[in-house]
Protein backbone atom coordinates (compact mmCIF):
# COMPACT_ATOMS: atom_id res chain seq x y z
CA MET A 1 -2.23 11.71 -13.10
CA ASN A 2 0.33 9.49 -11.40
CA PHE A 3 -0.19 5.87 -10.35
CA LEU A 4 -0.84 6.62 -6.67
CA THR A 5 -3.36 9.36 -7.40
CA LYS A 6 -5.14 7.13 -9.90
CA HIS A 7 -5.55 4.37 -7.29
CA ILE A 8 -5.96 6.48 -4.13
CA ASP A 9 -9.46 5.21 -3.26
CA ALA A 10 -8.36 1.56 -3.46
CA ILE A 11 -5.20 2.34 -1.47
CA ARG A 12 -7.22 4.04 1.28
CA LYS A 13 -9.64 1.10 1.42
CA LEU A 14 -6.78 -1.41 1.73
CA CYS A 15 -5.07 0.68 4.41
CA SER A 16 -8.26 0.85 6.44
CA LYS A 17 -8.91 -2.87 6.08
CA HIS A 18 -5.35 -3.89 6.99
CA TYR A 19 -4.76 -1.65 10.03
CA VAL A 20 -2.33 0.72 8.29
CA LYS A 21 -1.61 3.82 10.35
CA GLN A 22 0.71 5.49 7.83
CA LEU A 23 1.84 4.63 4.31
CA TYR A 24 4.91 6.10 2.65
CA ALA A 25 5.84 5.76 -1.01
CA PHE A 26 9.35 6.25 -2.36
CA GLY A 27 11.31 5.65 -5.52
CA SER A 28 10.28 5.96 -9.14
CA VAL A 29 6.53 5.88 -8.40
CA LEU A 30 6.95 9.50 -7.28
CA THR A 31 8.70 10.59 -10.47
CA HIS A 32 8.09 10.89 -14.20
CA ARG A 33 10.32 7.80 -14.70
CA PHE A 34 7.64 5.44 -13.35
CA ASP A 35 6.33 3.08 -16.06
CA THR A 36 4.81 -0.39 -16.52
CA ASP A 37 8.16 -2.05 -15.74
CA SER A 38 8.49 -0.22 -12.40
CA ASP A 39 7.56 -1.51 -8.99
CA VAL A 40 5.89 0.46 -6.22
CA ALA A 41 8.09 0.87 -3.14
CA LEU A 42 6.19 1.41 0.12
CA ILE A 43 6.95 1.67 3.82
CA VAL A 44 4.00 0.66 5.98
CA ASP A 45 3.43 1.65 9.61
CA PHE A 46 0.70 -0.52 11.14
CA ASP A 47 -1.64 0.29 14.03
CA SER A 48 -1.35 -1.92 17.08
CA VAL A 49 -3.22 -5.15 16.34
CA THR A 50 -3.63 -8.53 17.95
CA VAL A 51 -1.36 -11.36 16.86
CA GLU A 52 -4.38 -13.11 15.31
CA ASP A 53 -5.37 -10.07 13.24
CA TYR A 54 -1.78 -9.55 12.13
CA ALA A 55 -1.39 -13.19 11.05
CA GLU A 56 -4.69 -13.10 9.15
CA GLN A 57 -3.64 -9.99 7.23
CA LEU A 58 -0.16 -11.38 6.58
CA LEU A 59 -1.59 -14.51 4.98
CA ARG A 60 -3.97 -12.56 2.72
CA PRO A 61 -1.85 -10.27 0.53
CA GLN A 62 -3.78 -7.91 -1.73
CA VAL A 63 -2.88 -6.66 -5.19
CA LEU A 64 -4.38 -3.56 -6.75
CA PRO A 65 -6.12 -4.09 -10.09
């Protein structure tokens, strides 16, 4: 099981909470070379949101456990 599959429920919850329309992963997280020293590279496409909602989400970064 890869990292993204292992954390898919938490990823979906965060995407829903933070107005994410589409999320793309790239790099080593998609390969067998991914390990504890690797980072997770993502491209995020957000839904249209108000400036206030965007600023609130920007100031509250989330980290997966």
